[in-house]
């Protein structure tokens, strides 16, 4: 069994135990566990939040960064920020969620969210303010 075939290969480890669990209705069929866990994990929304106070208490030796954040996760962070702070300027959003990122990445994510109808804005240039939902 390897990481490449774990979702598609069934290996019988203990045939008698599998039969007992199946008869007791504790498992649906032999070998379905990894497939099922994988499906459940993919279907659940994952929230990544580490309390900064906890990191300080643990004296975490490295600084955390969002420099490699995926676009959909960046959008989720922006939506969460706008839920807490409606009518925010891009500079405020940038400073709150990811000051280490290039401001242009935040702007691109906001534009994509606007195109999707997830956010709206009013004002132009430096007076532009973003909020959740369409106008």
N, C-alpha and C. Protein backbone atom coordinates (compact mmCIF):
# COMPACT_ATOMS: atom_id res chain seq x y z
N UNK A 1 0.85 -1.16 0.00
CA UNK A 1 0.00 0.00 0.00
C UNK A 1 0.90 1.23 0.00
N UNK A 2 0.61 2.19 -0.87
CA UNK A 2 1.40 3.42 -0.98
C UNK A 2 0.46 4.61 -0.95
N UNK A 3 0.99 5.83 -0.76
CA UNK A 3 0.11 7.02 -0.81
C UNK A 3 -0.64 7.16 -2.14
N UNK A 4 -0.08 6.64 -3.22
CA UNK A 4 -0.74 6.76 -4.52
C UNK A 4 -1.95 5.83 -4.67
N UNK A 5 -1.94 4.69 -3.98
CA UNK A 5 -3.04 3.75 -4.18
C UNK A 5 -3.89 3.53 -2.94
N UNK A 6 -3.69 4.31 -1.89
CA UNK A 6 -4.41 4.07 -0.64
C UNK A 6 -5.92 4.21 -0.80
N UNK A 7 -6.37 5.08 -1.72
CA UNK A 7 -7.81 5.27 -1.90
C UNK A 7 -8.43 4.23 -2.82
N UNK A 8 -7.63 3.40 -3.44
CA UNK A 8 -8.18 2.49 -4.43
C UNK A 8 -7.82 1.03 -4.19
N UNK A 9 -7.02 0.74 -3.19
CA UNK A 9 -6.56 -0.63 -2.94
C UNK A 9 -7.09 -1.11 -1.61
N UNK A 10 -7.63 -2.33 -1.59
CA UNK A 10 -8.09 -2.93 -0.35
C UNK A 10 -7.10 -4.00 0.06
N UNK A 11 -6.64 -3.91 1.29
CA UNK A 11 -5.71 -4.90 1.82
C UNK A 11 -6.36 -5.52 3.05
N UNK A 12 -6.53 -6.83 3.03
CA UNK A 12 -7.14 -7.52 4.17
C UNK A 12 -6.08 -7.72 5.25
N UNK A 13 -6.31 -7.10 6.37
CA UNK A 13 -5.35 -7.23 7.47
C UNK A 13 -5.78 -8.32 8.45
N UNK A 14 -7.09 -8.35 8.75
CA UNK A 14 -7.62 -9.33 9.69
C UNK A 14 -9.03 -9.69 9.23
N UNK A 15 -9.13 -10.75 8.46
CA UNK A 15 -10.40 -11.13 7.84
C UNK A 15 -11.48 -11.45 8.87
N UNK A 16 -11.12 -12.12 9.95
CA UNK A 16 -12.10 -12.48 10.97
C UNK A 16 -12.64 -11.24 11.68
N UNK A 17 -11.75 -10.32 12.01
CA UNK A 17 -12.17 -9.08 12.68
C UNK A 17 -13.08 -8.27 11.76
N UNK A 18 -12.74 -8.19 10.49
CA UNK A 18 -13.56 -7.46 9.53
C UNK A 18 -14.95 -8.07 9.45
N UNK A 19 -15.05 -9.41 9.44
CA UNK A 19 -16.35 -10.09 9.36
C UNK A 19 -17.17 -9.78 10.62
N UNK A 20 -16.55 -9.82 11.80
CA UNK A 20 -17.25 -9.53 13.06
C UNK A 20 -17.77 -8.10 13.05
N UNK A 21 -16.94 -7.12 12.69
CA UNK A 21 -17.38 -5.73 12.65
C UNK A 21 -18.51 -5.53 11.63
N UNK A 22 -18.42 -6.22 10.50
CA UNK A 22 -19.47 -6.09 9.50
C UNK A 22 -20.78 -6.67 10.03
N UNK A 23 -20.72 -7.84 10.67
CA UNK A 23 -21.92 -8.47 11.21
C UNK A 23 -22.54 -7.65 12.34
N UNK A 24 -21.72 -6.93 13.10
CA UNK A 24 -22.22 -6.07 14.17
C UNK A 24 -22.67 -4.69 13.66
N UNK A 25 -22.57 -4.52 12.35
CA UNK A 25 -22.95 -3.25 11.69
C UNK A 25 -22.09 -2.08 12.17
N UNK A 26 -20.83 -2.37 12.51
CA UNK A 26 -19.90 -1.33 12.91
C UNK A 26 -19.07 -0.82 11.73
N UNK A 27 -19.14 -1.52 10.62
CA UNK A 27 -18.49 -1.04 9.41
C UNK A 27 -19.35 -1.49 8.23
N UNK A 28 -19.32 -0.68 7.16
CA UNK A 28 -20.17 -1.00 6.02
C UNK A 28 -19.57 -2.07 5.12
N UNK A 29 -18.29 -1.95 4.86
CA UNK A 29 -17.61 -2.98 4.07
C UNK A 29 -16.12 -2.85 4.30
N UNK A 30 -15.44 -3.89 4.06
CA UNK A 30 -14.00 -3.89 4.28
C UNK A 30 -13.30 -2.97 3.30
N UNK A 31 -12.39 -2.15 3.83
CA UNK A 31 -11.57 -1.31 2.97
C UNK A 31 -12.19 0.02 2.59
N UNK A 32 -13.36 0.36 3.12
CA UNK A 32 -14.00 1.62 2.73
C UNK A 32 -13.61 2.78 3.63
N UNK A 33 -12.88 2.52 4.68
CA UNK A 33 -12.56 3.56 5.67
C UNK A 33 -11.77 4.73 5.12
N UNK A 34 -10.68 4.45 4.40
CA UNK A 34 -9.86 5.54 3.88
C UNK A 34 -10.62 6.36 2.85
N UNK A 35 -11.37 5.69 1.97
CA UNK A 35 -12.16 6.41 0.98
C UNK A 35 -13.17 7.32 1.66
N UNK A 36 -13.84 6.79 2.67
CA UNK A 36 -14.88 7.56 3.38
C UNK A 36 -14.26 8.75 4.12
N UNK A 37 -13.16 8.53 4.82
CA UNK A 37 -12.51 9.63 5.54
C UNK A 37 -12.08 10.72 4.58
N UNK A 38 -11.55 10.32 3.45
CA UNK A 38 -11.09 11.27 2.44
C UNK A 38 -12.27 12.11 1.92
N UNK A 39 -13.40 11.46 1.63
CA UNK A 39 -14.59 12.16 1.17
C UNK A 39 -15.09 13.16 2.21
N UNK A 40 -15.14 12.73 3.46
CA UNK A 40 -15.62 13.61 4.54
C UNK A 40 -14.70 14.81 4.70
N UNK A 41 -13.40 14.58 4.68
CA UNK A 41 -12.46 15.69 4.82
C UNK A 41 -12.57 16.69 3.68
N UNK A 42 -12.78 16.19 2.46
CA UNK A 42 -12.93 17.09 1.32
C UNK A 42 -14.22 17.88 1.38
N UNK A 43 -15.26 17.30 1.96
CA UNK A 43 -16.56 17.96 1.97
C UNK A 43 -16.69 19.00 3.08
N UNK A 44 -15.84 18.95 4.07
CA UNK A 44 -15.93 19.88 5.18
C UNK A 44 -15.10 21.13 4.91
N UNK A 45 -15.66 22.25 5.28
CA UNK A 45 -14.88 23.48 5.19
C UNK A 45 -13.84 23.47 6.30
N UNK A 46 -12.65 23.85 5.98
CA UNK A 46 -11.58 23.85 6.97
C UNK A 46 -11.28 25.28 7.37
N UNK A 47 -11.19 25.50 8.66
CA UNK A 47 -10.86 26.82 9.16
C UNK A 47 -9.49 26.75 9.80
N UNK A 48 -8.61 27.61 9.34
CA UNK A 48 -7.26 27.65 9.87
C UNK A 48 -7.11 28.91 10.70
N UNK A 49 -7.03 28.74 12.02
CA UNK A 49 -6.82 29.88 12.88
C UNK A 49 -5.98 29.42 14.06
N UNK A 50 -4.89 30.08 14.25
CA UNK A 50 -4.06 29.81 15.41
C UNK A 50 -4.01 31.10 16.22
N UNK A 51 -4.43 30.99 17.44
CA UNK A 51 -4.47 32.15 18.32
C UNK A 51 -3.05 32.69 18.51
N UNK A 52 -2.81 33.96 18.16
CA UNK A 52 -1.46 34.53 18.32
C UNK A 52 -0.97 34.49 19.77
N UNK A 53 -1.89 34.60 20.73
CA UNK A 53 -1.50 34.54 22.14
C UNK A 53 -0.93 33.16 22.47
N UNK A 54 -1.53 32.12 21.89
CA UNK A 54 -1.01 30.77 22.10
C UNK A 54 0.41 30.65 21.56
N UNK A 55 0.66 31.18 20.38
CA UNK A 55 2.01 31.13 19.81
C UNK A 55 3.00 31.87 20.69
N UNK A 56 2.57 32.99 21.27
CA UNK A 56 3.45 33.74 22.16
C UNK A 56 3.75 32.95 23.43
N UNK A 57 2.72 32.32 23.99
CA UNK A 57 2.91 31.54 25.22
C UNK A 57 3.85 30.36 24.98
N UNK A 58 3.74 29.77 23.80
CA UNK A 58 4.60 28.63 23.47
C UNK A 58 5.99 29.07 23.05
N UNK A 59 6.18 30.37 22.95
CA UNK A 59 7.45 30.93 22.47
C UNK A 59 7.83 30.31 21.13
N UNK A 60 6.86 30.31 20.23
CA UNK A 60 7.05 29.74 18.89
C UNK A 60 8.21 30.44 18.21
N UNK A 61 9.23 29.68 17.77
CA UNK A 61 10.47 30.30 17.30
C UNK A 61 10.39 30.95 15.92
N UNK A 62 9.37 30.66 15.15
CA UNK A 62 9.29 31.20 13.79
C UNK A 62 8.09 32.12 13.66
N UNK A 63 8.16 33.00 12.71
CA UNK A 63 7.00 33.85 12.45
C UNK A 63 6.13 33.17 11.41
N UNK A 64 4.82 33.35 11.55
CA UNK A 64 3.90 32.76 10.59
C UNK A 64 3.78 33.70 9.39
N UNK A 65 3.44 33.13 8.25
CA UNK A 65 3.33 33.95 7.04
C UNK A 65 2.23 33.40 6.14
N UNK A 66 1.65 34.27 5.37
CA UNK A 66 0.64 33.88 4.39
C UNK A 66 1.17 34.04 2.97
N UNK A 67 2.46 34.12 2.83
CA UNK A 67 3.04 34.39 1.51
C UNK A 67 2.72 33.31 0.48
N UNK A 68 2.43 32.09 0.92
CA UNK A 68 2.12 31.01 -0.01
C UNK A 68 0.64 30.64 0.00
N UNK A 69 -0.20 31.53 0.51
CA UNK A 69 -1.63 31.23 0.61
C UNK A 69 -2.25 31.03 -0.77
N UNK A 70 -3.15 30.06 -0.85
CA UNK A 70 -3.85 29.78 -2.10
C UNK A 70 -4.93 30.84 -2.31
N UNK A 71 -5.26 31.16 -3.56
CA UNK A 71 -6.24 32.22 -3.84
C UNK A 71 -7.60 32.02 -3.17
N UNK A 72 -8.11 30.79 -3.14
CA UNK A 72 -9.43 30.58 -2.52
C UNK A 72 -9.39 30.79 -1.00
N UNK A 73 -8.26 30.48 -0.39
CA UNK A 73 -8.14 30.73 1.05
C UNK A 73 -8.00 32.22 1.34
N UNK A 74 -7.31 32.94 0.46
CA UNK A 74 -7.20 34.38 0.63
C UNK A 74 -8.58 35.02 0.52
N UNK A 75 -9.37 34.56 -0.44
CA UNK A 75 -10.74 35.09 -0.58
C UNK A 75 -11.55 34.82 0.67
N UNK A 76 -11.41 33.62 1.24
CA UNK A 76 -12.14 33.28 2.46
C UNK A 76 -11.73 34.20 3.62
N UNK A 77 -10.45 34.51 3.71
CA UNK A 77 -9.98 35.44 4.76
C UNK A 77 -10.56 36.84 4.55
N UNK A 78 -10.62 37.27 3.32
CA UNK A 78 -11.17 38.60 3.01
C UNK A 78 -12.65 38.64 3.38
N UNK A 79 -13.39 37.60 3.03
CA UNK A 79 -14.82 37.56 3.36
C UNK A 79 -15.04 37.58 4.87
N UNK A 80 -14.22 36.84 5.60
CA UNK A 80 -14.34 36.84 7.06
C UNK A 80 -14.00 38.22 7.63
N UNK A 81 -13.00 38.86 7.07
CA UNK A 81 -12.64 40.20 7.52
C UNK A 81 -13.77 41.19 7.25
N UNK A 82 -14.38 41.11 6.07
CA UNK A 82 -15.47 42.03 5.74
C UNK A 82 -16.72 41.76 6.57
N UNK A 83 -16.87 40.52 7.01
CA UNK A 83 -17.99 40.22 7.90
C UNK A 83 -17.80 40.94 9.23
N UNK A 84 -16.58 40.99 9.71
CA UNK A 84 -16.29 41.66 10.98
C UNK A 84 -16.18 43.19 10.83
N UNK A 85 -15.64 43.62 9.69
CA UNK A 85 -15.38 45.05 9.47
C UNK A 85 -15.97 45.50 8.13
N UNK A 86 -17.30 45.65 8.06
CA UNK A 86 -17.89 46.09 6.79
C UNK A 86 -17.45 47.52 6.44
N UNK A 87 -17.58 47.84 5.17
CA UNK A 87 -17.21 49.18 4.67
C UNK A 87 -15.72 49.46 4.90
N UNK A 88 -14.89 48.52 4.53
CA UNK A 88 -13.44 48.64 4.73
C UNK A 88 -12.73 49.03 3.45
N UNK A 89 -11.69 49.82 3.61
CA UNK A 89 -10.81 50.16 2.49
C UNK A 89 -9.83 49.01 2.27
N UNK A 90 -9.30 48.92 1.07
CA UNK A 90 -8.36 47.84 0.76
C UNK A 90 -7.13 47.91 1.67
N UNK A 91 -6.70 49.10 2.00
CA UNK A 91 -5.52 49.22 2.88
C UNK A 91 -5.81 48.66 4.27
N UNK A 92 -7.04 48.84 4.76
CA UNK A 92 -7.41 48.29 6.07
C UNK A 92 -7.46 46.76 6.03
N UNK A 93 -8.07 46.23 4.97
CA UNK A 93 -8.15 44.78 4.81
C UNK A 93 -6.74 44.20 4.74
N UNK A 94 -5.91 44.81 3.93
CA UNK A 94 -4.53 44.36 3.75
C UNK A 94 -3.78 44.35 5.08
N UNK A 95 -3.88 45.41 5.83
CA UNK A 95 -3.13 45.49 7.10
C UNK A 95 -3.65 44.51 8.15
N UNK A 96 -4.95 44.19 8.10
CA UNK A 96 -5.51 43.28 9.10
C UNK A 96 -5.22 41.82 8.79
N UNK A 97 -5.34 41.41 7.53
CA UNK A 97 -5.24 39.97 7.26
C UNK A 97 -3.88 39.50 6.79
N UNK A 98 -3.16 40.31 6.02
CA UNK A 98 -1.91 39.81 5.47
C UNK A 98 -0.98 40.93 5.05
N UNK A 99 -0.41 41.65 5.99
CA UNK A 99 0.49 42.74 5.61
C UNK A 99 1.74 42.28 4.87
N UNK A 100 2.08 40.99 5.01
CA UNK A 100 3.27 40.48 4.32
C UNK A 100 3.01 40.21 2.84
N UNK A 101 1.75 40.19 2.43
CA UNK A 101 1.42 39.97 1.02
C UNK A 101 1.51 41.28 0.25
N UNK A 102 1.73 41.15 -1.03
CA UNK A 102 1.68 42.30 -1.91
C UNK A 102 0.24 42.81 -1.96
N UNK A 103 0.05 44.09 -1.85
CA UNK A 103 -1.29 44.69 -1.87
C UNK A 103 -2.05 44.32 -3.15
N UNK A 104 -1.31 44.13 -4.22
CA UNK A 104 -1.94 43.79 -5.50
C UNK A 104 -2.67 42.44 -5.42
N UNK A 105 -2.15 41.50 -4.66
CA UNK A 105 -2.84 40.20 -4.50
C UNK A 105 -4.18 40.37 -3.80
N UNK A 106 -4.23 41.25 -2.81
CA UNK A 106 -5.49 41.53 -2.11
C UNK A 106 -6.47 42.18 -3.10
N UNK A 107 -5.96 43.11 -3.89
CA UNK A 107 -6.81 43.80 -4.87
C UNK A 107 -7.38 42.82 -5.89
N UNK A 108 -6.55 41.90 -6.39
CA UNK A 108 -7.03 40.90 -7.34
C UNK A 108 -8.10 39.99 -6.72
N UNK A 109 -7.89 39.60 -5.48
CA UNK A 109 -8.87 38.76 -4.79
C UNK A 109 -10.19 39.51 -4.59
N UNK A 110 -10.10 40.79 -4.24
CA UNK A 110 -11.32 41.60 -4.08
C UNK A 110 -12.05 41.76 -5.41
N UNK A 111 -11.32 41.94 -6.49
CA UNK A 111 -11.94 42.06 -7.81
C UNK A 111 -12.64 40.76 -8.18
N UNK A 112 -12.01 39.63 -7.88
CA UNK A 112 -12.64 38.33 -8.18
C UNK A 112 -13.91 38.14 -7.34
N UNK A 113 -13.86 38.53 -6.07
CA UNK A 113 -15.03 38.43 -5.21
C UNK A 113 -16.15 39.36 -5.70
N UNK A 114 -15.79 40.51 -6.22
CA UNK A 114 -16.79 41.43 -6.79
C UNK A 114 -17.45 40.79 -8.02
N UNK A 115 -16.63 40.19 -8.89
CA UNK A 115 -17.15 39.53 -10.09
C UNK A 115 -18.08 38.37 -9.72
N UNK A 116 -17.78 37.68 -8.63
CA UNK A 116 -18.61 36.56 -8.17
C UNK A 116 -19.88 37.05 -7.46
N UNK A 117 -19.95 38.33 -7.15
CA UNK A 117 -21.11 38.86 -6.44
C UNK A 117 -21.04 38.70 -4.93
N UNK A 118 -19.90 38.33 -4.43
CA UNK A 118 -19.74 38.11 -2.99
C UNK A 118 -19.53 39.41 -2.23
N UNK A 119 -18.96 40.42 -2.90
CA UNK A 119 -18.75 41.73 -2.28
C UNK A 119 -19.21 42.83 -3.23
N UNK A 120 -19.47 43.98 -2.66
CA UNK A 120 -19.74 45.16 -3.47
C UNK A 120 -18.90 46.30 -2.92
N UNK A 121 -18.85 47.38 -3.66
CA UNK A 121 -18.08 48.53 -3.20
C UNK A 121 -18.81 49.81 -3.59
N UNK A 122 -18.41 50.88 -2.93
CA UNK A 122 -18.84 52.22 -3.33
C UNK A 122 -17.64 53.13 -3.19
N UNK A 123 -17.63 54.18 -3.95
CA UNK A 123 -16.50 55.10 -3.96
C UNK A 123 -15.49 54.69 -5.02
N UNK A 124 -14.59 55.60 -5.30
CA UNK A 124 -13.57 55.35 -6.31
C UNK A 124 -12.18 55.61 -5.75
N UNK A 125 -11.23 54.94 -6.34
CA UNK A 125 -9.81 55.06 -6.00
C UNK A 125 -9.57 54.92 -4.51
N UNK A 126 -8.96 55.90 -3.87
CA UNK A 126 -8.61 55.74 -2.45
C UNK A 126 -9.81 55.85 -1.52
N UNK A 127 -10.96 56.24 -2.04
CA UNK A 127 -12.17 56.34 -1.22
C UNK A 127 -13.05 55.10 -1.34
N UNK A 128 -12.61 54.11 -2.08
CA UNK A 128 -13.41 52.89 -2.29
C UNK A 128 -13.50 52.10 -1.00
N UNK A 129 -14.73 51.65 -0.68
CA UNK A 129 -14.99 50.84 0.51
C UNK A 129 -15.72 49.57 0.08
N UNK A 130 -15.33 48.44 0.67
CA UNK A 130 -15.89 47.15 0.33
C UNK A 130 -16.78 46.61 1.45
N UNK A 131 -17.81 45.88 1.07
CA UNK A 131 -18.71 45.23 2.03
C UNK A 131 -19.20 43.92 1.41
N UNK A 132 -19.81 43.07 2.25
CA UNK A 132 -20.32 41.79 1.77
C UNK A 132 -21.57 41.96 0.93
N UNK A 133 -21.80 41.01 0.02
CA UNK A 133 -23.01 40.95 -0.77
C UNK A 133 -23.01 41.93 -1.95
N UNK A 134 -24.03 41.76 -2.78
CA UNK A 134 -24.17 42.66 -3.92
C UNK A 134 -25.03 43.84 -3.51
N UNK A 135 -24.87 44.96 -4.20
CA UNK A 135 -25.60 46.17 -3.83
C UNK A 135 -27.08 46.03 -4.05
